[in-house]
Amino acid sequence: LGLGHRLKIIRTVLNLDQRQMSERIGTAQSQISKIEIGRSAPTLNHLLLIKKVAEEDEYLRENLTWEWIIEGKGKGIIG
């Protein structure tokens, strides 16, 4: 799984659509779409804000690691 796909999984677990996620992290919905399909890389700020939003969820707060987000390894949502 690529980084964009992992970010889509996080968004889906949070039950947010792309528009809602874009509003939460202060970017355009089209940017979320490009990141999720691998046409654009998220900025460091995007990643920090996505992790912050994810940590509002108890399950994600306990199970989502930076290693899984960035590399797809270690403790994460799946795997």
PDB file of N, CA and C in Angstrom:
ATOM      1  N   LEU A   1       0.830  -1.192   0.000  1.00  0.00           N
ATOM      2  CA  LEU A   1       0.000   0.000   0.000  1.00  0.00           C
ATOM      3  C   LEU A   1       0.871   1.252   0.000  1.00  0.00           C
ATOM      4  N   GLY A   2       0.530   2.193  -0.829  1.00  0.00           N
ATOM      5  CA  GLY A   2       1.253   3.449  -0.865  1.00  0.00           C
ATOM      6  C   GLY A   2       0.772   4.405   0.219  1.00  0.00           C
ATOM      7  N   LEU A   3       1.531   5.476   0.394  1.00  0.00           N
ATOM      8  CA  LEU A   3       1.197   6.470   1.404  1.00  0.00           C
ATOM      9  C   LEU A   3      -0.208   7.028   1.188  1.00  0.00           C
ATOM     10  N   GLY A   4      -0.544   7.375  -0.049  1.00  0.00           N
ATOM     11  CA  GLY A   4      -1.870   7.916  -0.340  1.00  0.00           C
ATOM     12  C   GLY A   4      -2.975   6.951   0.035  1.00  0.00           C
ATOM     13  N   HIS A   5      -2.760   5.662  -0.236  1.00  0.00           N
ATOM     14  CA  HIS A   5      -3.764   4.653   0.110  1.00  0.00           C
ATOM     15  C   HIS A   5      -3.915   4.536   1.625  1.00  0.00           C
ATOM     16  N   ARG A   6      -2.804   4.597   2.344  1.00  0.00           N
ATOM     17  CA  ARG A   6      -2.882   4.539   3.809  1.00  0.00           C
ATOM     18  C   ARG A   6      -3.632   5.752   4.359  1.00  0.00           C
ATOM     19  N   LEU A   7      -3.405   6.916   3.763  1.00  0.00           N
ATOM     20  CA  LEU A   7      -4.133   8.109   4.209  1.00  0.00           C
ATOM     21  C   LEU A   7      -5.626   7.979   3.915  1.00  0.00           C
ATOM     22  N   LYS A   8      -5.961   7.341   2.784  1.00  0.00           N
ATOM     23  CA  LYS A   8      -7.375   7.096   2.467  1.00  0.00           C
ATOM     24  C   LYS A   8      -7.992   6.157   3.503  1.00  0.00           C
ATOM     25  N   ILE A   9      -7.248   5.143   3.923  1.00  0.00           N
ATOM     26  CA  ILE A   9      -7.741   4.220   4.949  1.00  0.00           C
ATOM     27  C   ILE A   9      -8.020   4.983   6.243  1.00  0.00           C
ATOM     28  N   ILE A  10      -7.106   5.858   6.632  1.00  0.00           N
ATOM     29  CA  ILE A  10      -7.319   6.659   7.840  1.00  0.00           C
ATOM     30  C   ILE A  10      -8.594   7.479   7.708  1.00  0.00           C
ATOM     31  N   ARG A  11      -8.752   8.150   6.578  1.00  0.00           N
ATOM     32  CA  ARG A  11      -9.941   8.973   6.346  1.00  0.00           C
ATOM     33  C   ARG A  11     -11.209   8.131   6.406  1.00  0.00           C
ATOM     34  N   THR A  12     -11.162   6.950   5.824  1.00  0.00           N
ATOM     35  CA  THR A  12     -12.328   6.060   5.802  1.00  0.00           C
ATOM     36  C   THR A  12     -12.678   5.576   7.204  1.00  0.00           C
ATOM     37  N   VAL A  13     -11.673   5.203   7.990  1.00  0.00           N
ATOM     38  CA  VAL A  13     -11.912   4.778   9.368  1.00  0.00           C
ATOM     39  C   VAL A  13     -12.552   5.912  10.167  1.00  0.00           C
ATOM     40  N   LEU A  14     -12.159   7.135   9.866  1.00  0.00           N
ATOM     41  CA  LEU A  14     -12.736   8.299  10.542  1.00  0.00           C
ATOM     42  C   LEU A  14     -14.136   8.642  10.038  1.00  0.00           C
ATOM     43  N   ASN A  15     -14.572   7.923   9.000  1.00  0.00           N
ATOM     44  CA  ASN A  15     -15.888   8.146   8.406  1.00  0.00           C
ATOM     45  C   ASN A  15     -16.029   9.572   7.866  1.00  0.00           C
ATOM     46  N   LEU A  16     -14.957  10.050   7.229  1.00  0.00           N
ATOM     47  CA  LEU A  16     -14.972  11.367   6.616  1.00  0.00           C
ATOM     48  C   LEU A  16     -14.875  11.221   5.104  1.00  0.00           C
ATOM     49  N   ASP A  17     -15.597  12.065   4.365  1.00  0.00           N
ATOM     50  CA  ASP A  17     -15.384  12.075   2.920  1.00  0.00           C
ATOM     51  C   ASP A  17     -14.228  13.032   2.623  1.00  0.00           C
ATOM     52  N   GLN A  18     -13.816  13.089   1.373  1.00  0.00           N
ATOM     53  CA  GLN A  18     -12.661  13.917   1.029  1.00  0.00           C
ATOM     54  C   GLN A  18     -12.902  15.391   1.362  1.00  0.00           C
ATOM     55  N   ARG A  19     -14.096  15.876   1.139  1.00  0.00           N
ATOM     56  CA  ARG A  19     -14.415  17.270   1.425  1.00  0.00           C
ATOM     57  C   ARG A  19     -14.268  17.550   2.921  1.00  0.00           C
ATOM     58  N   GLN A  20     -14.815  16.648   3.737  1.00  0.00           N
ATOM     59  CA  GLN A  20     -14.730  16.833   5.189  1.00  0.00           C
ATOM     60  C   GLN A  20     -13.277  16.813   5.663  1.00  0.00           C
ATOM     61  N   MET A  21     -12.486  15.882   5.138  1.00  0.00           N
ATOM     62  CA  MET A  21     -11.079  15.813   5.526  1.00  0.00           C
ATOM     63  C   MET A  21     -10.348  17.072   5.071  1.00  0.00           C
ATOM     64  N   SER A  22     -10.634  17.531   3.868  1.00  0.00           N
ATOM     65  CA  SER A  22      -9.952  18.730   3.368  1.00  0.00           C
ATOM     66  C   SER A  22     -10.259  19.934   4.253  1.00  0.00           C
ATOM     67  N   GLU A  23     -11.494  20.031   4.728  1.00  0.00           N
ATOM     68  CA  GLU A  23     -11.864  21.126   5.626  1.00  0.00           C
ATOM     69  C   GLU A  23     -11.132  21.015   6.962  1.00  0.00           C
ATOM     70  N   ARG A  24     -10.989  19.789   7.445  1.00  0.00           N
ATOM     71  CA  ARG A  24     -10.328  19.569   8.745  1.00  0.00           C
ATOM     72  C   ARG A  24      -8.852  19.945   8.706  1.00  0.00           C
ATOM     73  N   ILE A  25      -8.201  19.732   7.555  1.00  0.00           N
ATOM     74  CA  ILE A  25      -6.759  20.007   7.490  1.00  0.00           C
ATOM     75  C   ILE A  25      -6.434  21.264   6.685  1.00  0.00           C
ATOM     76  N   GLY A  26      -7.448  21.965   6.213  1.00  0.00           N
ATOM     77  CA  GLY A  26      -7.227  23.246   5.556  1.00  0.00           C
ATOM     78  C   GLY A  26      -6.615  23.180   4.176  1.00  0.00           C
ATOM     79  N   THR A  27      -7.089  22.252   3.368  1.00  0.00           N
ATOM     80  CA  THR A  27      -6.617  22.153   1.991  1.00  0.00           C
ATOM     81  C   THR A  27      -7.823  21.905   1.085  1.00  0.00           C
ATOM     82  N   ALA A  28      -7.591  21.882  -0.206  1.00  0.00           N
ATOM     83  CA  ALA A  28      -8.673  21.660  -1.163  1.00  0.00           C
ATOM     84  C   ALA A  28      -9.030  20.176  -1.250  1.00  0.00           C
ATOM     85  N   GLN A  29     -10.294  19.900  -1.511  1.00  0.00           N
ATOM     86  CA  GLN A  29     -10.737  18.516  -1.695  1.00  0.00           C
ATOM     87  C   GLN A  29      -9.959  17.874  -2.841  1.00  0.00           C
ATOM     88  N   SER A  30      -9.678  18.645  -3.886  1.00  0.00           N
ATOM     89  CA  SER A  30      -8.934  18.100  -5.022  1.00  0.00           C
ATOM     90  C   SER A  30      -7.528  17.662  -4.610  1.00  0.00           C
ATOM     91  N   GLN A  31      -6.951  18.352  -3.631  1.00  0.00           N
ATOM     92  CA  GLN A  31      -5.627  17.971  -3.141  1.00  0.00           C
ATOM     93  C   GLN A  31      -5.689  16.633  -2.409  1.00  0.00           C
ATOM     94  N   ILE A  32      -6.735  16.421  -1.613  1.00  0.00           N
ATOM     95  CA  ILE A  32      -6.917  15.124  -0.937  1.00  0.00           C
ATOM     96  C   ILE A  32      -7.015  14.018  -1.977  1.00  0.00           C
ATOM     97  N   SER A  33      -7.800  14.254  -3.018  1.00  0.00           N
ATOM     98  CA  SER A  33      -7.957  13.262  -4.085  1.00  0.00           C
ATOM     99  C   SER A  33      -6.613  12.944  -4.733  1.00  0.00           C
ATOM    100  N   LYS A  34      -5.837  13.966  -5.069  1.00  0.00           N
ATOM    101  CA  LYS A  34      -4.531  13.755  -5.707  1.00  0.00           C
ATOM    102  C   LYS A  34      -3.584  12.980  -4.791  1.00  0.00           C
ATOM    103  N   ILE A  35      -3.597  13.294  -3.508  1.00  0.00           N
ATOM    104  CA  ILE A  35      -2.741  12.584  -2.552  1.00  0.00           C
ATOM    105  C   ILE A  35      -3.146  11.115  -2.482  1.00  0.00           C
ATOM    106  N   GLU A  36      -4.443  10.852  -2.380  1.00  0.00           N
ATOM    107  CA  GLU A  36      -4.914   9.473  -2.217  1.00  0.00           C
ATOM    108  C   GLU A  36      -4.637   8.604  -3.435  1.00  0.00           C
ATOM    109  N   ILE A  37      -4.642   9.190  -4.635  1.00  0.00           N
ATOM    110  CA  ILE A  37      -4.370   8.379  -5.833  1.00  0.00           C
ATOM    111  C   ILE A  37      -2.894   8.403  -6.222  1.00  0.00           C
ATOM    112  N   GLY A  38      -2.070   9.098  -5.430  1.00  0.00           N
ATOM    113  CA  GLY A  38      -0.641   9.093  -5.672  1.00  0.00           C
ATOM    114  C   GLY A  38      -0.152  10.105  -6.688  1.00  0.00           C
ATOM    115  N   ARG A  39      -0.978  11.065  -7.067  1.00  0.00           N
ATOM    116  CA  ARG A  39      -0.559  12.086  -8.039  1.00  0.00           C
ATOM    117  C   ARG A  39       0.123  13.277  -7.376  1.00  0.00           C
ATOM    118  N   SER A  40       0.034  13.361  -6.061  1.00  0.00           N
ATOM    119  CA  SER A  40       0.651  14.450  -5.323  1.00  0.00           C
ATOM    120  C   SER A  40       1.083  13.906  -3.969  1.00  0.00           C
ATOM    121  N   ALA A  41       2.179  14.444  -3.465  1.00  0.00           N
ATOM    122  CA  ALA A  41       2.647  14.029  -2.139  1.00  0.00           C
ATOM    123  C   ALA A  41       2.065  14.974  -1.086  1.00  0.00           C
ATOM    124  N   PRO A  42       1.694  14.442   0.054  1.00  0.00           N
ATOM    125  CA  PRO A  42       1.224  15.321   1.120  1.00  0.00           C
ATOM    126  C   PRO A  42       2.394  16.133   1.675  1.00  0.00           C
ATOM    127  N   THR A  43       2.113  17.334   2.128  1.00  0.00           N
ATOM    128  CA  THR A  43       3.150  18.124   2.792  1.00  0.00           C
ATOM    129  C   THR A  43       3.321  17.583   4.206  1.00  0.00           C
ATOM    130  N   LEU A  44       4.404  17.960   4.834  1.00  0.00           N
ATOM    131  CA  LEU A  44       4.614  17.575   6.230  1.00  0.00           C
ATOM    132  C   LEU A  44       3.460  18.106   7.084  1.00  0.00           C
ATOM    133  N   ASN A  45       3.026  19.318   6.789  1.00  0.00           N
ATOM    134  CA  ASN A  45       1.911  19.897   7.532  1.00  0.00           C
ATOM    135  C   ASN A  45       0.639  19.069   7.351  1.00  0.00           C
ATOM    136  N   HIS A  46       0.370  18.608   6.112  1.00  0.00           N
ATOM    137  CA  HIS A  46      -0.791  17.739   5.887  1.00  0.00           C
ATOM    138  C   HIS A  46      -0.710  16.504   6.777  1.00  0.00           C
ATOM    139  N   LEU A  47       0.470  15.876   6.804  1.00  0.00           N
ATOM    140  CA  LEU A  47       0.635  14.653   7.589  1.00  0.00           C
ATOM    141  C   LEU A  47       0.417  14.919   9.076  1.00  0.00           C
ATOM    142  N   LEU A  48       0.979  16.013   9.560  1.00  0.00           N
ATOM    143  CA  LEU A  48       0.808  16.347  10.977  1.00  0.00           C
ATOM    144  C   LEU A  48      -0.665  16.573  11.316  1.00  0.00           C
ATOM    145  N   LEU A  49      -1.374  17.285  10.436  1.00  0.00           N
ATOM    146  CA  LEU A  49      -2.789  17.569  10.691  1.00  0.00           C
ATOM    147  C   LEU A  49      -3.656  16.318  10.570  1.00  0.00           C
ATOM    148  N   ILE A  50      -3.346  15.452   9.609  1.00  0.00           N
ATOM    149  CA  ILE A  50      -4.097  14.200   9.469  1.00  0.00           C
ATOM    150  C   ILE A  50      -3.911  13.352  10.719  1.00  0.00           C
ATOM    151  N   LYS A  51      -2.675  13.265  11.222  1.00  0.00           N
ATOM    152  CA  LYS A  51      -2.419  12.491  12.449  1.00  0.00           C
ATOM    153  C   LYS A  51      -3.174  13.106  13.620  1.00  0.00           C
ATOM    154  N   LYS A  52      -3.213  14.421  13.698  1.00  0.00           N
ATOM    155  CA  LYS A  52      -3.932  15.102  14.778  1.00  0.00           C
ATOM    156  C   LYS A  52      -5.423  14.793  14.714  1.00  0.00           C
ATOM    157  N   VAL A  53      -5.994  14.840  13.515  1.00  0.00           N
ATOM    158  CA  VAL A  53      -7.411  14.499  13.341  1.00  0.00           C
ATOM    159  C   VAL A  53      -7.636  13.037  13.720  1.00  0.00           C
ATOM    160  N   ALA A  54      -6.741  12.154  13.282  1.00  0.00           N
ATOM    161  CA  ALA A  54      -6.878  10.723  13.566  1.00  0.00           C
ATOM    162  C   ALA A  54      -6.853  10.455  15.069  1.00  0.00           C
ATOM    163  N   GLU A  55      -6.062  11.220  15.810  1.00  0.00           N
ATOM    164  CA  GLU A  55      -5.939  10.984  17.245  1.00  0.00           C
ATOM    165  C   GLU A  55      -7.177  11.398  18.035  1.00  0.00           C
ATOM    166  N   GLU A  56      -8.140  12.031  17.372  1.00  0.00           N
ATOM    167  CA  GLU A  56      -9.415  12.314  18.023  1.00  0.00           C
ATOM    168  C   GLU A  56     -10.231  11.029  18.185  1.00  0.00           C
ATOM    169  N   ASP A  57      -9.874  10.017  17.400  1.00  0.00           N
ATOM    170  CA  ASP A  57     -10.537   8.716  17.470  1.00  0.00           C
ATOM    171  C   ASP A  57      -9.755   7.817  18.429  1.00  0.00           C
ATOM    172  N   GLU A  58     -10.439   7.234  19.395  1.00  0.00           N
ATOM    173  CA  GLU A  58      -9.766   6.427  20.422  1.00  0.00           C
ATOM    174  C   GLU A  58      -8.996   5.257  19.830  1.00  0.00           C
ATOM    175  N   TYR A  59      -9.610   4.537  18.888  1.00  0.00           N
ATOM    176  CA  TYR A  59      -8.936   3.384  18.276  1.00  0.00           C
ATOM    177  C   TYR A  59      -7.662   3.830  17.562  1.00  0.00           C
ATOM    178  N   LEU A  60      -7.777   4.889  16.772  1.00  0.00           N
ATOM    179  CA  LEU A  60      -6.608   5.355  16.035  1.00  0.00           C
ATOM    180  C   LEU A  60      -5.549   5.930  16.971  1.00  0.00           C
ATOM    181  N   ARG A  61      -5.963   6.599  18.005  1.00  0.00           N
ATOM    182  CA  ARG A  61      -5.017   7.164  18.970  1.00  0.00           C
ATOM    183  C   ARG A  61      -4.132   6.064  19.549  1.00  0.00           C
ATOM    184  N   GLU A  62      -4.704   4.878  19.747  1.00  0.00           N
ATOM    185  CA  GLU A  62      -3.969   3.767  20.353  1.00  0.00           C
ATOM    186  C   GLU A  62      -3.253   2.885  19.339  1.00  0.00           C
ATOM    187  N   ASN A  63      -3.677   2.916  18.077  1.00  0.00           N
ATOM    188  CA  ASN A  63      -3.165   1.943  17.111  1.00  0.00           C
ATOM    189  C   ASN A  63      -2.432   2.512  15.908  1.00  0.00           C
ATOM    190  N   LEU A  64      -2.493   3.801  15.691  1.00  0.00           N
ATOM    191  CA  LEU A  64      -1.884   4.385  14.496  1.00  0.00           C
ATOM    192  C   LEU A  64      -0.517   4.969  14.827  1.00  0.00           C
ATOM    193  N   THR A  65       0.525   4.444  14.171  1.00  0.00           N
ATOM    194  CA  THR A  65       1.877   4.940  14.410  1.00  0.00           C
ATOM    195  C   THR A  65       2.387   5.688  13.183  1.00  0.00           C
ATOM    196  N   TRP A  66       3.363   6.545  13.413  1.00  0.00           N
ATOM    197  CA  TRP A  66       4.002   7.241  12.287  1.00  0.00           C
ATOM    198  C   TRP A  66       4.653   6.235  11.338  1.00  0.00           C
ATOM    199  N   GLU A  67       5.233   5.186  11.901  1.00  0.00           N
ATOM    200  CA  GLU A  67       5.886   4.165  11.062  1.00  0.00           C
ATOM    201  C   GLU A  67       4.896   3.566  10.070  1.00  0.00           C
ATOM    202  N   TRP A  68       3.664   3.307  10.520  1.00  0.00           N
ATOM    203  CA  TRP A  68       2.660   2.742   9.612  1.00  0.00           C
ATOM    204  C   TRP A  68       2.236   3.784   8.589  1.00  0.00           C
ATOM    205  N   ILE A  69       2.027   5.012   9.023  1.00  0.00           N
ATOM    206  CA  ILE A  69       1.597   6.054   8.088  1.00  0.00           C
ATOM    207  C   ILE A  69       2.645   6.235   6.985  1.00  0.00           C
ATOM    208  N   ILE A  70       3.888   6.426   7.367  1.00  0.00           N
ATOM    209  CA  ILE A  70       4.942   6.763   6.411  1.00  0.00           C
ATOM    210  C   ILE A  70       5.440   5.549   5.617  1.00  0.00           C
ATOM    211  N   GLU A  71       5.655   4.420   6.287  1.00  0.00           N
ATOM    212  CA  GLU A  71       6.299   3.273   5.643  1.00  0.00           C
ATOM    213  C   GLU A  71       5.393   2.066   5.443  1.00  0.00           C
ATOM    214  N   GLY A  72       4.229   2.058   6.096  1.00  0.00           N
ATOM    215  CA  GLY A  72       3.352   0.893   5.993  1.00  0.00           C
ATOM    216  C   GLY A  72       3.831  -0.272   6.836  1.00  0.00           C
ATOM    217  N   LYS A  73       4.688   0.015   7.821  1.00  0.00           N
ATOM    218  CA  LYS A  73       5.245  -1.035   8.671  1.00  0.00           C
ATOM    219  C   LYS A  73       4.837  -0.795  10.117  1.00  0.00           C
ATOM    220  N   GLY A  74       4.976  -1.833  10.919  1.00  0.00           N
ATOM    221  CA  GLY A  74       4.702  -1.693  12.344  1.00  0.00           C
ATOM    222  C   GLY A  74       3.215  -1.617  12.641  1.00  0.00           C
ATOM    223  N   LYS A  75       2.922  -1.066  13.784  1.00  0.00           N
ATOM    224  CA  LYS A  75       1.542  -1.005  14.261  1.00  0.00           C
ATOM    225  C   LYS A  75       0.773   0.050  13.485  1.00  0.00           C
ATOM    226  N   GLY A  76      -0.390  -0.360  13.008  1.00  0.00           N
ATOM    227  CA  GLY A  76      -1.222   0.559  12.251  1.00  0.00           C
ATOM    228  C   GLY A  76      -2.664   0.108  12.272  1.00  0.00           C
ATOM    229  N   ILE A  77      -3.419   0.598  11.333  1.00  0.00           N
ATOM    230  CA  ILE A  77      -4.832   0.252  11.273  1.00  0.00           C
ATOM    231  C   ILE A  77      -4.989  -1.179  10.796  1.00  0.00           C
ATOM    232  N   ILE A  78      -4.216  -1.517   9.768  1.00  0.00           N
ATOM    233  CA  ILE A  78      -4.226  -2.888   9.246  1.00  0.00           C
ATOM    234  C   ILE A  78      -2.770  -3.346   9.132  1.00  0.00           C
ATOM    235  N   GLY A  79      -2.584  -4.636   9.220  1.00  0.00           N
ATOM    236  CA  GLY A  79      -1.228  -5.170   9.057  1.00  0.00           C
ATOM    237  C   GLY A  79      -0.497  -5.330  10.352  1.00  0.00           C
TER     238      GLY A  79
END
